[in-house]
Amino acid sequence: MSNDTKKVLIGLPSRLLANVDLMAKYESRTRSDLIREAIRRYYENYKRTESNSVDVQRLEHIFTAIQ
């Protein structure tokens, strides 16, 4: 984990967590890596499907400023 990485606590239904763990094991990845990738892909899809939204443009501006 890099120095700028923050930990978060999330609650998942038992069955979903079991599926995450199975996928992570199958792909030889950590649980965190798999969830991080899922969130990244969700965000990329959100940007693509909501690209005309003022809110997405505002988020992009904020994200660019903090990176």
Protein backbone atom coordinates (compact mmCIF):
# COMPACT_ATOMS: atom_id res chain seq x y z
CA MET A 1 0.00 0.00 0.00
CA SER A 2 1.32 3.43 -0.86
CA ASN A 3 1.65 6.15 1.78
CA ASP A 4 -1.38 8.02 0.44
CA THR A 5 -3.66 4.98 0.63
CA LYS A 6 -6.43 5.17 3.20
CA LYS A 7 -8.23 2.24 4.76
CA VAL A 8 -12.01 2.11 4.77
CA LEU A 9 -14.41 -0.20 6.54
CA ILE A 10 -17.35 -1.49 4.52
CA GLY A 11 -20.07 -3.96 5.28
CA LEU A 12 -20.88 -6.67 2.75
CA PRO A 13 -23.46 -9.42 2.86
CA SER A 14 -21.82 -12.76 3.71
CA ARG A 15 -22.57 -14.30 0.32
CA LEU A 16 -21.12 -11.33 -1.59
CA LEU A 17 -17.96 -11.43 0.51
CA ALA A 18 -17.65 -15.16 -0.11
CA ASN A 19 -17.91 -14.49 -3.87
CA VAL A 20 -15.29 -11.73 -3.62
CA ASP A 21 -12.95 -14.09 -1.80
CA LEU A 22 -13.50 -16.85 -4.37
CA MET A 23 -12.78 -14.47 -7.26
CA ALA A 24 -9.71 -13.09 -5.52
CA LYS A 25 -8.37 -16.59 -4.89
CA TYR A 26 -9.11 -17.66 -8.48
CA GLU A 27 -7.26 -14.60 -9.83
CA SER A 28 -4.42 -14.82 -7.25
CA ARG A 29 -5.24 -11.34 -5.96
CA THR A 30 -5.99 -9.88 -2.59
CA ARG A 31 -9.49 -9.02 -1.52
CA SER A 32 -8.49 -5.35 -1.37
CA ASP A 33 -7.04 -5.42 -4.87
CA LEU A 34 -10.19 -6.96 -6.29
CA ILE A 35 -12.48 -4.44 -4.55
CA ARG A 36 -10.20 -1.55 -5.56
CA GLU A 37 -10.38 -2.69 -9.20
CA ALA A 38 -14.17 -3.04 -9.02
CA ILE A 39 -14.53 0.51 -7.71
CA ARG A 40 -12.13 1.85 -10.35
CA ARG A 41 -14.12 0.13 -13.11
CA TYR A 42 -17.40 1.38 -11.66
CA TYR A 43 -16.05 4.93 -11.64
CA GLU A 44 -14.75 4.66 -15.23
CA ASN A 45 -18.14 3.33 -16.37
CA TYR A 46 -19.91 6.10 -14.47
CA LYS A 47 -17.78 8.73 -16.20
CA ARG A 48 -18.48 7.17 -19.59
CA THR A 49 -22.24 6.86 -19.14
CA GLU A 50 -22.74 10.17 -17.34
CA SER A 51 -20.17 12.18 -19.31
CA ASN A 52 -22.57 15.05 -20.05
CA SER A 53 -23.56 15.45 -16.45
CA VAL A 54 -22.43 18.65 -14.74
CA ASP A 55 -21.86 16.64 -11.54
CA VAL A 56 -19.40 14.30 -13.27
CA GLN A 57 -17.54 17.25 -14.77
CA ARG A 58 -17.35 18.83 -11.32
CA LEU A 59 -16.07 15.55 -9.83
CA GLU A 60 -13.44 15.27 -12.55
CA HIS A 61 -12.22 18.76 -11.72
CA ILE A 62 -12.00 17.90 -8.02
CA PHE A 63 -10.26 14.56 -8.62
CA THR A 64 -7.71 16.14 -10.94
CA ALA A 65 -6.95 18.83 -8.38
CA ILE A 66 -6.19 16.34 -5.56
CA GLN A 67 -4.01 13.95 -7.55
